[in-house]
Structures are given as C-alpha cells and as structure tokens.
Amino acid sequence: MPDTHRPPRRSFLTAGAVGAASLGASWLLSGCTGASSTVLPSEARKGTPDRGGTLRIARPPASDAETLDPASSLSAYEYLGALYNRLVRVGDDGDLAPDLAESWETDAKARTWTFRLRKGVAFHDGRAFTSADAAYTLRHILDPTTASPQAAVLAPLVDPKTLRTPDAHTLVVPLKSPNAEFPSLLTHYNCYVIPDGSAKSIGRTGIGTGPFKLESFAPAGPGRITAYVDHWAGRPVLDAISFYSVADMSARANALLAGQVHLLSQTNLDFATARVVAASDRATIARVKNAQWYVLPMLTTDKPFTDVRVRQAMKLAYDPEHVVKVALQGAGTAGWDNPVPPDDPLHIAAHPAHDPEKARALLKQAGQEGLAVDLYTSAYDPLLTPMALAYQESAKRAGIRIRVKTAAADSYYTQIWMKKPLMATYWYTGRPVDQLFTQIFRSGSSYNETAWSDKEFDAVLDRARAETDATRRAELYGEAQTLVIERGGAMTPMFADRLVGLSRKVRGYAEHGFEFDYLGIGLKGA
C-alpha cells in the first residue's frame, strides 16, 4: 500500500508469527453463527484503560531492508509515532497542533518561517532536544543519499544550507518561494525528529523523543518497545508494546480472535471477517470514517489515456454511488474523482454528473468507440477487486469493456503499480491538501502514479502556496481540485471507512491518518 499507502515497503516476506497463525481461514469465516447479521460498531470501545500492561500488535511483514529511520521509504511506520515526535502534528480536529514546536510564525510574504521549540525535552539516550536536532532532521530528509519520499515535497522549498538556529530553541527556515502552508508539510511521517548526527545509526537505534523507547527490532520481524517514563508529555498508559509480523490477513484475524494479539495494524478487514470479529466475545471493530482513499489511476503517458477526452469519458462512464453501494456495502462515501476527502474543510462538492451518453460521445470524438481496456487488481487489499468489478459493471452503460485482471499480491506494487495503464490502488487519508497535491499530482513527483503533468495545475498550486489570505488560498486549492477532476488521470470512486480489528480490552484507540495516540492507548484488565 503506497505510503500511507506505501508500495516500496511491503514485500510479503515470510516472517515470525504468533501461534494463532495456524488457525484455518475457513474457520474464521464460518465458525461463528449469526455473524452475517452483526451490525458493525461505529467506533472503538470507550472508557479509561488501566495503567500498565503490554499491547500486542500484529502487522503485515515488511521488506528485510525495513528500518527505524523515519525519513526512509522503508521505515517501520508502526513504530514511528511511538518512538518519535514531529515539530508539528495534525490534531484530533484536523488542524495543525504543536508537538516539538510550541509555536510557529512567518513573515508577511510567507517566505521565512520561525519555529519556537519546546524546552525540557530529552531523547531516549538522555540528550537534550535542541534546534540543532530539528535542523539536522530536515537536512537528513533533503540529503539525496537518504532517498526520502518527502524530499520531493520539501526540496523545491528548502535549501538545507540556509537553515538557521539562532539559539537552542529556535529554528528559522527560509524558503526558496513563499508557502503559507509550509508547517503542514512537516506533519508527514517522514518528518519525525531524530538526533543531530544520527543518520548512520538511527535505523537500528530508534532513538527519539517519543513516549516509548526501543527494546528490540528485527526488520520484517518482531519487536518490542517500552514506556519512556521521562517523556516530556508524561508517561504513556502502557508498559510496553510488542509487534509481531504475520503474513496472512486471515492469520492476523485468527490471532485476534484467539486473544493472542490486541490490535491488527495496517489491516483493513473485509466485511465478512469484520462481522465475525465484531460478533466474537474477545474482539471488536473500530470503524474509521473515510480513512482510505481508493483510486483507479490511468497512466497519462500510455495510450489511450494520453487523450484527455478518454480520461474524461472513463470518469463520466461510471456511477461512484454504485461503486460505494456494491464495493463498500455503504461503508464509505462516493469520491466523484476528487482526491480531497469530503470531510476536509477545503473539499469542493462540485463535480460533473455521471453521464454514460456523454462518455460515449467523448470516446467517439477520440476515435475510441467501443473502448476495451485491462484493469489490474489484486488481493493486497480486500476492497480493490470489489471496486474494480463495480466499476466494470457501471462502465458497461457507456460501452466500455473492462477486463479485470488479478495480479499476485506479493508483487503488485513492484510490477503493476505505476507500470500498467489502468489499475486499482488506495492511500490513507489524513495528509494536508498541499502535501496531497504535491506528492501525488504535481509534475515529476516520484509518487505521481498517473504521471500526469499539467502546467496550469502546477501554477495554481504555486499560487495557492504563496497566498497568505486564507479565503483566497482555499479558492485556489478548489481550482486545483477542479483541474484534477476534469483533466487528471486519477479516478476516485470512493473513500472507504477502514475496519480495524482490536481486542475488547483496548481503550483509548483514536486514529487519524493511520496513526493513533500512543500516549493514551491502553488495556482494560491489563
């Protein structure tokens, strides 16, 4: 799953698993009577957790090159929020909130940003956190040898040589061009702060300022972190968290049902499994609204999608409401080809209506009447194939013949993603709009999965960044959305509610953008 969806990371290597992995999938789906009528919970269980205990998390295995370096494309991101802090984070309300930076301000032109850093913060090795660490973190991200995905976002804005640290608790970031949204770019998971000079060791040590410190870590395997009692925001509720790598989704769900793990990380349960989990006496479901953004990317460098009329026809041909009904059974929201989630304050609701006859006319103009194309999918995520099949069914009305091709999950993001002209994929929501557009839609970005290049879109994005008036900036981001909808190569049929499996003992689970509150999460009866 790219980044947050993150395709470079997952390779489905065999790794150590908890004992429940041996339970059969057939038992999982048929062993509980009455599951089909179970109503899925709308949120995690409420209440105050008990102090102490060890939370056990099952996660999909990763590449054997997995690292604790947060700047890396191979970072073990289940660990990151526990081991590290950022300068700026996204708060529960979706707005920017202080983390290691207590406040920030800019000049009148949004050209130079000054961050006032928190005092009294220590790394896990006892070193005091200072502005030198904040500056070093940015330089590490921007260093070409790091090959950080976030470098493509920050490099056009930040020259590492110009960063200034006038005192131990002030970081000054001059920008190459104005950007009124710059602090939001520092909320990305690649931007967790690491100690000055730690580039060669951080991937192994995991030394940060977070609420937990590293006890053990094996790439693609198990690991354990323990409470950092001197954390600047207070001691976490839990004593420890243990991570287990379990290759198969059914095996992870079985481990949860058997009480051997408490939480399934990076696993969106299919509806059948979710109903079984919710009906059990040991586990339940946390439903995270619109947490995953599902996409059908068309490579705009490959025929027939080089023609904007074909791309427009593909979008007009299908009904997103139909896809939500069939693929999500209503557990989500129609996307209408806008990648900005509908609950984002900058989201615009305007969009072209489903119009199969207009789609036919556009295809005829483009010389593509009776268009037939392959749409690749896989079992990597349980909703990819239902989405592909629902699109196939809906697009028939416009005379478009979709051949759904199922590819192997273990090579999907190395052999299919960004290589085939049309495929199914998804991303986690939660990224700020400027991050979203810069990373996934701007010309030349390494994560631009449609290879779309539009000078007008890039120019609108630049104007939005430079605009200091919030109302006008919102209008410009609205114009950017319109360009993506009308010209871009990404079809967004739906935003799905993510179904997270967790123990009935878990309390304090609150998720935003696939991350949860490591300080507050705990267990009842720990």
Protein backbone atom coordinates (compact mmCIF):
# COMPACT_ATOMS: atom_id res chain seq x y z
CA MET A 1 0.00 0.00 0.00
CA PRO A 2 1.64 3.19 -1.05
CA ASP A 3 2.90 5.33 1.81
CA THR A 4 0.43 5.55 3.70
CA HIS A 5 -0.24 3.57 1.06
CA ARG A 6 3.46 2.90 0.58
CA PRO A 7 4.38 0.49 -2.21
CA PRO A 8 8.16 0.37 -1.85
CA ARG A 9 7.94 -1.04 1.62
CA ARG A 10 5.77 -4.15 1.64
CA SER A 11 7.13 -7.30 0.05
CA PHE A 12 5.24 -10.03 1.94
CA LEU A 13 8.32 -11.93 3.04
CA THR A 14 7.73 -14.83 5.38
CA ALA A 15 8.37 -13.74 8.96
CA GLY A 16 7.80 -14.90 12.50
CA ALA A 17 4.16 -15.08 13.51
CA VAL A 18 2.21 -15.61 16.66
CA GLY A 19 0.78 -19.02 17.31
CA ALA A 20 -2.72 -18.27 16.13
CA ALA A 21 -1.47 -18.01 12.56
CA SER A 22 -2.02 -21.75 12.21
CA LEU A 23 -5.81 -21.44 12.54
CA GLY A 24 -7.60 -22.02 9.25
CA ALA A 25 -9.31 -19.25 7.30
CA SER A 26 -12.37 -21.43 6.74
CA TRP A 27 -12.94 -21.50 10.50
CA LEU A 28 -12.56 -17.74 10.57
CA LEU A 29 -15.35 -17.12 8.09
CA SER A 30 -17.80 -19.84 9.03
CA GLY A 31 -17.22 -20.83 12.64
CA CYS A 32 -19.32 -18.07 14.23
CA THR A 33 -23.06 -18.33 13.81
CA GLY A 34 -25.07 -15.19 13.43
CA ALA A 35 -22.13 -13.16 12.14
CA SER A 36 -23.85 -12.22 8.91
CA SER A 37 -26.43 -10.16 10.81
CA THR A 38 -23.91 -8.43 13.08
CA VAL A 39 -24.04 -4.65 12.96
CA LEU A 40 -20.51 -3.28 12.83
CA PRO A 41 -19.58 -0.83 15.61
CA SER A 42 -19.15 2.78 14.55
CA GLU A 43 -16.16 3.44 16.86
CA ALA A 44 -13.74 1.85 19.29
CA ARG A 45 -14.83 0.97 22.83
CA LYS A 46 -14.84 3.91 25.23
CA GLY A 47 -13.61 4.07 28.80
CA THR A 48 -10.44 4.60 30.77
CA PRO A 49 -7.69 1.99 30.40
CA ASP A 50 -5.82 0.56 33.36
CA ARG A 51 -2.24 1.66 33.90
CA GLY A 52 0.39 -0.83 32.66
CA GLY A 53 0.26 -3.95 30.54
CA THR A 54 1.64 -4.88 27.13
CA LEU A 55 -0.27 -4.20 23.93
CA ARG A 56 0.35 -6.89 21.30
CA ILE A 57 0.10 -5.73 17.68
CA ALA A 58 0.04 -7.94 14.57
CA ARG A 59 1.24 -6.27 11.39
CA PRO A 60 1.91 -7.38 7.82
CA PRO A 61 5.57 -8.32 7.27
CA ALA A 62 7.78 -5.84 5.50
CA SER A 63 10.97 -5.82 3.45
CA ASP A 64 14.04 -7.23 5.14
CA ALA A 65 15.54 -3.79 4.49
CA GLU A 66 13.00 -2.25 6.88
CA THR A 67 14.46 0.49 9.05
CA LEU A 68 13.59 2.70 12.01
CA ASP A 69 14.83 5.76 10.12
CA PRO A 70 11.60 7.76 9.75
CA ALA A 71 12.89 9.59 6.66
CA SER A 72 13.28 6.36 4.70
CA SER A 73 10.80 4.91 2.21
CA LEU A 74 11.36 1.60 4.06
CA SER A 75 10.59 2.90 7.54
CA ALA A 76 8.76 0.67 10.01
CA TYR A 77 5.95 3.15 10.39
CA GLU A 78 4.05 1.19 13.04
CA TYR A 79 6.90 2.15 15.37
CA LEU A 80 7.34 5.78 14.35
CA GLY A 81 4.63 7.52 16.39
CA ALA A 82 5.75 5.64 19.48
CA LEU A 83 9.48 6.36 19.18
CA TYR A 84 9.47 9.90 17.77
CA ASN A 85 7.79 13.28 17.73
CA ARG A 86 7.46 15.81 14.90
CA LEU A 87 7.79 19.57 15.07
CA VAL A 88 4.13 19.88 14.04
CA ARG A 89 1.36 17.30 14.12
CA VAL A 90 -2.24 17.05 12.96
CA GLY A 91 -4.62 17.40 15.88
CA ASP A 92 -7.80 15.45 16.54
CA ASP A 93 -9.81 18.22 14.87
CA GLY A 94 -7.72 18.04 11.70
CA ASP A 95 -5.95 21.34 12.35
CA LEU A 96 -2.22 21.75 12.92
CA ALA A 97 -1.13 21.31 16.54
CA PRO A 98 2.14 21.83 18.42
CA ASP A 99 4.44 18.89 19.01
CA LEU A 100 8.16 19.62 19.49
CA ALA A 101 7.50 23.12 18.18
CA GLU A 102 5.33 25.04 20.62
CA SER A 103 4.54 27.74 18.07
CA TRP A 104 5.48 29.00 14.61
CA GLU A 105 5.18 32.23 12.68
CA THR A 106 6.04 33.60 9.27
CA ASP A 107 6.88 36.92 7.71
CA ALA A 108 4.32 38.88 5.70
CA LYS A 109 5.17 37.06 2.48
CA ALA A 110 5.21 33.50 3.94
CA ARG A 111 8.84 33.31 2.86
CA THR A 112 10.60 32.72 6.18
CA TRP A 113 9.19 30.51 8.94
CA THR A 114 10.34 30.62 12.56
CA PHE A 115 9.63 27.71 14.91
CA ARG A 116 9.81 28.16 18.70
CA LEU A 117 10.83 24.80 20.12
CA ARG A 118 9.75 23.10 23.29
CA LYS A 119 12.14 23.23 26.26
CA GLY A 120 12.82 20.40 28.70
CA VAL A 121 12.58 17.62 26.08
CA ALA A 122 15.08 14.74 26.15
CA PHE A 123 15.91 11.97 23.72
CA HIS A 124 15.82 8.37 24.95
CA ASP A 125 19.59 8.45 25.50
CA GLY A 126 19.30 11.46 27.80
CA ARG A 127 20.44 14.11 25.35
CA ALA A 128 18.51 17.37 25.38
CA PHE A 129 16.48 18.16 22.26
CA THR A 130 17.61 21.42 20.63
CA SER A 131 17.20 23.34 17.39
CA ALA A 132 20.31 21.57 16.06
CA ASP A 133 18.32 18.32 16.02
CA ALA A 134 15.39 19.95 14.20
CA ALA A 135 17.70 21.42 11.55
CA TYR A 136 19.57 18.14 11.19
CA THR A 137 16.31 16.26 10.64
CA LEU A 138 15.40 18.50 7.71
CA ARG A 139 18.90 18.18 6.24
CA HIS A 140 18.71 14.40 6.57
CA ILE A 141 15.39 14.31 4.69
CA LEU A 142 16.81 16.53 1.96
CA ASP A 143 20.08 14.58 1.65
CA PRO A 144 19.92 12.70 -1.70
CA THR A 145 21.61 9.67 -0.12
CA THR A 146 18.62 9.29 2.24
CA ALA A 147 16.25 8.94 -0.73
CA SER A 148 13.34 10.11 1.40
CA PRO A 149 9.92 10.30 -0.30
CA GLN A 150 9.39 13.61 1.49
CA ALA A 151 12.46 15.15 -0.17
CA ALA A 152 10.48 15.67 -3.37
CA VAL A 153 8.00 17.77 -1.40
CA LEU A 154 10.49 19.80 0.63
CA ALA A 155 13.43 20.19 -1.78
CA PRO A 156 11.69 22.73 -4.06
CA LEU A 157 11.12 24.88 -0.97
CA VAL A 158 14.05 24.38 1.40
CA ASP A 159 17.77 24.82 0.85
CA PRO A 160 19.43 22.91 3.72
CA LYS A 161 22.35 25.36 3.69
CA THR A 162 20.10 28.27 4.64
CA LEU A 163 18.57 26.75 7.80
CA ARG A 164 19.39 28.82 10.88
CA THR A 165 19.45 28.05 14.60
CA PRO A 166 19.90 31.42 16.37
CA ASP A 167 19.55 29.71 19.74
CA ALA A 168 18.92 26.26 21.19
CA HIS A 169 15.14 26.59 20.94
CA THR A 170 14.62 28.50 17.68
CA LEU A 171 14.67 27.13 14.14
CA VAL A 172 14.46 29.52 11.19
CA VAL A 173 13.55 28.08 7.78
CA PRO A 174 13.92 30.45 4.82
CA LEU A 175 12.03 29.21 1.78
CA LYS A 176 13.00 29.40 -1.88
CA SER A 177 9.46 30.51 -2.68
CA PRO A 178 6.53 31.58 -0.48
CA ASN A 179 4.43 28.86 1.12
CA ALA A 180 1.66 29.72 3.55
CA GLU A 181 1.06 26.01 4.20
CA PHE A 182 4.67 25.07 4.96
CA PRO A 183 4.15 23.85 8.56
CA SER A 184 1.57 21.34 7.30
CA LEU A 185 4.27 19.66 5.21
CA LEU A 186 6.16 18.84 8.41
CA THR A 187 3.30 16.64 9.66
CA HIS A 188 4.28 13.84 7.27
CA TYR A 189 5.54 10.64 8.91
CA ASN A 190 8.94 11.10 7.24
CA CYS A 191 9.41 14.26 9.34
CA TYR A 192 9.80 12.70 12.78
CA VAL A 193 12.74 14.37 14.54
CA ILE A 194 15.97 12.43 15.04
CA PRO A 195 19.13 13.38 16.98
CA ASP A 196 21.81 15.51 15.36
CA GLY A 197 24.38 13.32 13.59
CA SER A 198 22.41 10.05 13.90
CA ALA A 199 21.85 9.22 10.22
CA LYS A 200 24.10 6.14 10.23
CA SER A 201 22.65 4.65 13.42
CA ILE A 202 19.03 5.78 13.66
CA GLY A 203 17.75 2.89 11.56
CA ARG A 204 18.87 0.50 14.29
CA THR A 205 18.60 2.52 17.49
CA GLY A 206 15.26 4.28 17.05
CA ILE A 207 16.36 7.00 19.49
CA GLY A 208 13.73 9.70 19.56
CA THR A 209 11.72 11.84 21.95
CA GLY A 210 8.56 9.72 21.76
CA PRO A 211 6.59 8.06 24.58
CA PHE A 212 8.26 4.68 24.01
CA LYS A 213 11.88 3.63 23.61
CA LEU A 214 13.25 0.70 21.66
CA GLU A 215 13.99 -2.61 23.33
CA SER A 216 14.30 -4.82 20.23
CA PHE A 217 13.63 -4.63 16.50
CA ALA A 218 14.03 -7.13 13.65
CA PRO A 219 13.38 -5.90 10.09
CA ALA A 220 10.28 -7.67 8.74
CA GLY A 221 10.01 -9.45 12.08
CA PRO A 222 9.06 -9.00 15.71
CA GLY A 223 9.98 -6.12 18.00
CA ARG A 224 9.27 -4.58 21.37
CA ILE A 225 9.17 -1.04 22.77
CA THR A 226 8.86 0.01 26.41
CA ALA A 227 7.43 3.08 28.13
CA TYR A 228 9.75 6.08 28.30
CA VAL A 229 8.96 7.31 31.80
CA ASP A 230 10.69 10.67 31.28
CA HIS A 231 8.63 11.59 28.20
CA TRP A 232 8.01 15.33 28.08
CA ALA A 233 4.22 14.91 27.81
CA GLY A 234 4.04 12.35 30.60
CA ARG A 235 4.36 8.59 30.93
CA PRO A 236 2.28 6.52 28.49
CA VAL A 237 -0.50 4.35 29.89
CA LEU A 238 1.05 1.10 28.66
CA ASP A 239 4.23 -0.51 29.98
CA ALA A 240 5.17 -1.92 26.57
CA ILE A 241 4.08 -2.76 23.03
CA SER A 242 5.10 -5.96 21.25
CA PHE A 243 4.95 -6.22 17.46
CA TYR A 244 4.53 -9.45 15.51
CA SER A 245 4.79 -9.91 11.75
CA VAL A 246 2.05 -12.14 10.35
CA ALA A 247 1.96 -12.60 6.58
CA ASP A 248 -1.67 -13.58 6.02
CA MET A 249 -4.67 -11.40 6.82
CA SER A 250 -6.73 -14.41 7.92
CA ALA A 251 -3.94 -15.46 10.26
CA ARG A 252 -3.83 -11.98 11.79
CA ALA A 253 -7.59 -12.05 12.32
CA ASN A 254 -7.38 -15.53 13.85
CA ALA A 255 -4.71 -14.35 16.27
CA LEU A 256 -7.03 -11.53 17.34
CA LEU A 257 -9.98 -13.88 17.81
CA ALA A 258 -7.80 -16.24 19.83
CA GLY A 259 -6.79 -13.42 22.16
CA GLN A 260 -3.12 -13.66 21.20
CA VAL A 261 -2.91 -10.09 19.86
CA HIS A 262 -4.85 -6.95 20.72
CA LEU A 263 -4.70 -4.92 17.51
CA LEU A 264 -4.35 -5.52 13.77
CA SER A 265 -2.16 -2.81 12.32
CA GLN A 266 -2.26 -1.82 8.63
CA THR A 267 -5.09 -4.30 8.03
CA ASN A 268 -8.40 -3.24 6.54
CA LEU A 269 -10.74 -6.13 7.28
CA ASP A 270 -13.14 -7.34 4.62
CA PHE A 271 -16.80 -7.21 5.58
CA ALA A 272 -17.20 -10.95 6.19
CA THR A 273 -14.21 -11.06 8.53
CA ALA A 274 -15.24 -7.82 10.23
CA ARG A 275 -18.65 -9.27 11.05
CA VAL A 276 -17.08 -12.37 12.58
CA VAL A 277 -14.70 -10.22 14.63
CA ALA A 278 -17.49 -7.92 15.83
CA ALA A 279 -19.62 -10.92 16.82
CA SER A 280 -16.90 -12.55 18.91
CA ASP A 281 -16.57 -12.22 22.68
CA ARG A 282 -12.86 -11.26 22.54
CA ALA A 283 -12.62 -8.74 19.70
CA THR A 284 -14.47 -5.87 18.08
CA ILE A 285 -14.15 -3.30 15.32
CA ALA A 286 -13.09 0.33 15.24
CA ARG A 287 -14.58 1.99 12.20
CA VAL A 288 -12.53 4.95 10.96
CA LYS A 289 -14.66 7.13 8.70
CA ASN A 290 -13.31 7.85 5.20
CA ALA A 291 -9.87 6.65 6.30
CA GLN A 292 -8.87 5.19 2.94
CA TRP A 293 -8.93 6.85 -0.45
CA TYR A 294 -9.41 4.35 -3.29
CA VAL A 295 -8.15 5.17 -6.76
CA LEU A 296 -8.22 3.82 -10.31
CA PRO A 297 -5.14 5.54 -11.76
CA MET A 298 -4.86 5.91 -15.54
CA LEU A 299 -1.29 6.34 -16.76
CA THR A 300 -1.48 9.52 -18.80
CA THR A 301 1.72 8.59 -20.66
CA ASP A 302 0.17 5.40 -22.07
CA LYS A 303 -2.48 5.16 -24.77
CA PRO A 304 -5.42 5.54 -24.75
CA PHE A 305 -5.11 7.67 -21.60
CA THR A 306 -2.83 10.23 -23.23
CA ASP A 307 -6.04 11.74 -24.59
CA VAL A 308 -7.87 13.86 -22.00
CA ARG A 309 -11.18 13.02 -23.72
CA VAL A 310 -10.65 9.34 -22.93
CA ARG A 311 -9.84 10.17 -19.31
CA GLN A 312 -12.97 12.29 -19.05
CA ALA A 313 -15.05 9.52 -20.62
CA MET A 314 -13.72 6.96 -18.16
CA LYS A 315 -14.86 9.23 -15.32
CA LEU A 316 -18.28 10.06 -16.74
CA ALA A 317 -18.93 6.41 -17.63
CA TYR A 318 -19.35 5.08 -14.12
CA ASP A 319 -21.51 5.95 -11.13
CA PRO A 320 -19.48 6.38 -7.90
CA GLU A 321 -22.63 5.87 -5.82
CA HIS A 322 -23.00 2.44 -7.42
CA VAL A 323 -19.38 1.57 -6.56
CA VAL A 324 -19.89 2.60 -2.93
CA LYS A 325 -23.05 0.52 -2.70
CA VAL A 326 -21.53 -2.60 -4.26
CA ALA A 327 -17.90 -2.49 -3.11
CA LEU A 328 -18.38 -0.91 0.31
CA GLN A 329 -21.90 -2.02 1.16
CA GLY A 330 -22.44 1.63 2.05
CA ALA A 331 -19.46 1.88 4.47
CA GLY A 332 -17.93 4.92 2.85
CA THR A 333 -18.52 7.95 0.66
CA ALA A 334 -18.60 8.47 -3.11
CA GLY A 335 -15.43 10.19 -4.31
CA TRP A 336 -16.62 11.72 -7.59
CA ASP A 337 -12.98 11.73 -8.75
CA ASN A 338 -11.89 14.31 -6.18
CA PRO A 339 -8.93 13.06 -4.08
CA VAL A 340 -9.59 15.58 -1.29
CA PRO A 341 -11.71 13.75 1.32
CA PRO A 342 -15.27 15.04 1.72
CA ASP A 343 -14.73 15.87 5.40
CA ASP A 344 -11.71 18.06 4.64
CA PRO A 345 -12.59 21.78 5.05
CA LEU A 346 -11.01 22.53 1.65
CA HIS A 347 -13.06 19.90 -0.23
CA ILE A 348 -15.27 21.22 -3.04
CA ALA A 349 -18.50 19.37 -3.69
CA ALA A 350 -18.92 20.43 -7.34
CA HIS A 351 -18.27 17.72 -9.92
CA PRO A 352 -19.55 16.50 -13.30
CA ALA A 353 -22.52 14.17 -13.08
CA HIS A 354 -22.47 10.52 -14.11
CA ASP A 355 -23.27 10.66 -17.83
CA PRO A 356 -22.67 7.47 -19.87
CA GLU A 357 -24.04 9.04 -23.07
CA LYS A 358 -21.60 11.94 -22.86
CA ALA A 359 -18.85 9.39 -22.19
CA ARG A 360 -19.80 7.57 -25.41
CA ALA A 361 -19.67 10.84 -27.34
CA LEU A 362 -16.22 11.72 -25.99
CA LEU A 363 -14.88 8.27 -26.88
CA LYS A 364 -16.25 8.63 -30.39
CA GLN A 365 -14.54 12.02 -30.76
CA ALA A 366 -11.28 10.46 -29.58
CA GLY A 367 -11.57 7.55 -32.02
CA GLN A 368 -12.01 5.09 -29.13
CA GLU A 369 -15.60 3.96 -29.67
CA GLY A 370 -16.11 0.53 -28.08
CA LEU A 371 -13.06 1.01 -25.84
CA ALA A 372 -11.77 -2.17 -24.19
CA VAL A 373 -9.06 -1.97 -21.51
CA ASP A 374 -7.48 -4.16 -18.82
CA LEU A 375 -7.96 -3.13 -15.20
CA TYR A 376 -5.45 -4.72 -12.82
CA THR A 377 -6.26 -5.56 -9.23
CA SER A 378 -5.09 -7.97 -6.50
CA ALA A 379 -5.94 -9.39 -3.11
CA TYR A 380 -3.46 -6.97 -1.47
CA ASP A 381 -6.41 -5.05 -0.03
CA PRO A 382 -9.84 -6.66 0.27
CA LEU A 383 -11.63 -3.76 -1.44
CA LEU A 384 -9.53 -3.46 -4.60
CA THR A 385 -11.25 -6.24 -6.54
CA PRO A 386 -14.83 -5.36 -5.47
CA MET A 387 -14.12 -1.78 -6.57
CA ALA A 388 -12.75 -2.95 -9.92
CA LEU A 389 -15.74 -5.22 -10.54
CA ALA A 390 -18.21 -2.50 -9.58
CA TYR A 391 -16.51 -0.08 -11.98
CA GLN A 392 -16.57 -2.74 -14.70
CA GLU A 393 -20.32 -3.21 -14.24
CA SER A 394 -21.11 0.51 -14.17
CA ALA A 395 -18.94 1.47 -17.16
CA LYS A 396 -20.77 -1.02 -19.41
CA ARG A 397 -23.51 1.59 -19.85
CA ALA A 398 -21.08 3.76 -21.78
CA GLY A 399 -19.99 0.86 -23.97
CA ILE A 400 -16.63 0.49 -22.20
CA ARG A 401 -15.45 -3.08 -21.83
CA ILE A 402 -13.29 -3.58 -18.74
CA ARG A 403 -11.28 -6.79 -18.45
CA VAL A 404 -10.44 -7.23 -14.74
CA LYS A 405 -7.03 -8.88 -14.31
CA THR A 406 -6.00 -10.23 -10.91
CA ALA A 407 -2.26 -9.95 -10.20
CA ALA A 408 -0.25 -11.50 -7.38
CA ALA A 409 -0.38 -9.52 -4.15
CA ASP A 410 3.30 -10.01 -3.31
CA SER A 411 4.48 -8.25 -6.47
CA TYR A 412 1.57 -5.88 -7.08
CA TYR A 413 3.39 -2.73 -6.03
CA THR A 414 6.60 -3.62 -7.83
CA GLN A 415 5.27 -4.97 -11.14
CA ILE A 416 1.81 -3.41 -11.58
CA TRP A 417 1.60 -0.06 -9.78
CA MET A 418 2.72 2.82 -11.99
CA LYS A 419 3.56 0.32 -14.76
CA LYS A 420 0.18 -0.83 -16.13
CA PRO A 421 -2.08 1.74 -17.85
CA LEU A 422 -5.03 1.09 -15.53
CA MET A 423 -5.05 -0.47 -12.07
CA ALA A 424 -6.64 -0.28 -8.62
CA THR A 425 -4.92 1.10 -5.56
CA TYR A 426 -5.51 3.06 -2.36
CA TRP A 427 -3.93 5.56 0.00
CA TYR A 428 -4.57 6.54 3.59
CA THR A 429 -6.26 9.90 4.07
CA GLY A 430 -5.07 12.40 6.64
CA ARG A 431 -2.43 14.28 4.64
CA PRO A 432 -2.85 18.06 4.27
CA VAL A 433 -4.08 19.23 0.85
CA ASP A 434 -0.77 20.76 -0.21
CA GLN A 435 1.04 17.53 0.70
CA LEU A 436 -1.56 15.53 -1.22
CA PHE A 437 -1.30 17.60 -4.39
CA THR A 438 2.47 17.99 -4.27
CA GLN A 439 3.25 14.35 -3.63
CA ILE A 440 0.71 12.63 -5.86
CA PHE A 441 -0.33 15.08 -8.60
CA ARG A 442 2.44 17.58 -9.19
CA SER A 443 4.53 17.14 -12.34
CA GLY A 444 7.59 14.98 -11.76
CA SER A 445 6.78 13.72 -8.27
CA SER A 446 8.03 10.18 -7.64
CA TYR A 447 4.59 9.25 -6.24
CA ASN A 448 2.65 10.77 -9.16
CA GLU A 449 1.02 7.45 -10.00
CA THR A 450 -0.71 8.71 -13.17
CA ALA A 451 2.39 10.55 -14.50
CA TRP A 452 0.05 13.49 -15.08
CA SER A 453 1.81 16.73 -15.95
CA ASP A 454 -0.25 19.90 -16.20
CA LYS A 455 1.44 23.31 -16.16
CA GLU A 456 -1.75 25.11 -15.19
CA PHE A 457 -2.28 22.81 -12.21
CA ASP A 458 1.31 23.32 -11.05
CA ALA A 459 0.92 27.09 -11.40
CA VAL A 460 -2.35 27.11 -9.40
CA LEU A 461 -0.66 25.06 -6.70
CA ASP A 462 2.23 27.54 -6.58
CA ARG A 463 -0.19 30.46 -6.28
CA ALA A 464 -2.10 28.72 -3.50
CA ARG A 465 1.10 28.13 -1.55
CA ALA A 466 2.13 31.78 -1.85
CA GLU A 467 -1.30 33.19 -0.95
CA THR A 468 -1.38 34.49 2.62
CA ASP A 469 -5.12 35.24 2.61
CA ALA A 470 -6.80 32.05 3.86
CA THR A 471 -10.02 32.59 1.90
CA ARG A 472 -8.25 33.16 -1.38
CA ARG A 473 -5.89 30.23 -0.70
CA ALA A 474 -8.89 27.95 -0.20
CA GLU A 475 -10.32 29.14 -3.52
CA LEU A 476 -7.06 28.29 -5.27
CA TYR A 477 -6.98 24.81 -3.77
CA GLY A 478 -10.56 24.48 -5.03
CA GLU A 479 -9.36 25.38 -8.54
CA ALA A 480 -6.66 22.71 -8.20
CA GLN A 481 -9.31 20.13 -7.32
CA THR A 482 -11.35 21.10 -10.37
CA LEU A 483 -8.32 20.60 -12.64
CA VAL A 484 -7.65 17.17 -11.15
CA ILE A 485 -11.29 16.18 -11.65
CA GLU A 486 -11.56 17.49 -15.22
CA ARG A 487 -8.11 16.73 -16.63
CA GLY A 488 -6.24 14.39 -14.34
CA GLY A 489 -5.68 10.67 -14.70
CA ALA A 490 -6.94 9.58 -11.28
CA MET A 491 -10.44 8.23 -10.89
CA THR A 492 -11.55 8.33 -7.25
CA PRO A 493 -14.64 6.17 -6.96
CA MET A 494 -14.79 6.13 -3.18
CA PHE A 495 -13.49 6.91 0.28
CA ALA A 496 -13.86 3.86 2.49
CA ASP A 497 -14.35 3.54 6.21
CA ARG A 498 -11.45 1.45 7.46
CA LEU A 499 -12.43 -1.52 9.63
CA VAL A 500 -9.78 -2.07 12.30
CA GLY A 501 -9.79 -5.26 14.36
CA LEU A 502 -8.95 -4.87 18.03
CA SER A 503 -9.46 -6.59 21.35
CA ARG A 504 -12.41 -5.72 23.53
CA LYS A 505 -9.80 -4.88 26.19
CA VAL A 506 -8.39 -1.96 24.19
CA ARG A 507 -9.32 1.53 25.36
CA GLY A 508 -8.26 4.93 24.08
CA TYR A 509 -7.89 3.94 20.42
CA ALA A 510 -8.25 7.10 18.35
CA GLU A 511 -6.84 7.11 14.82
CA HIS A 512 -6.03 9.84 12.34
CA GLY A 513 -4.26 9.14 9.07
CA PHE A 514 -3.40 5.53 10.12
CA GLU A 515 -1.64 6.76 13.28
CA PHE A 516 -3.04 6.50 16.79
CA ASP A 517 -2.37 8.04 20.18
CA TYR A 518 0.43 6.00 21.75
CA LEU A 519 0.28 8.02 24.96
CA GLY A 520 -3.35 7.35 25.73
CA ILE A 521 -4.00 3.87 24.36
CA GLY A 522 -4.21 1.08 26.93
CA LEU A 523 -5.97 -2.05 28.09
CA LYS A 524 -8.84 -2.67 30.47
CA GLY A 525 -7.89 -5.53 32.75
CA ALA A 526 -4.23 -5.25 31.72
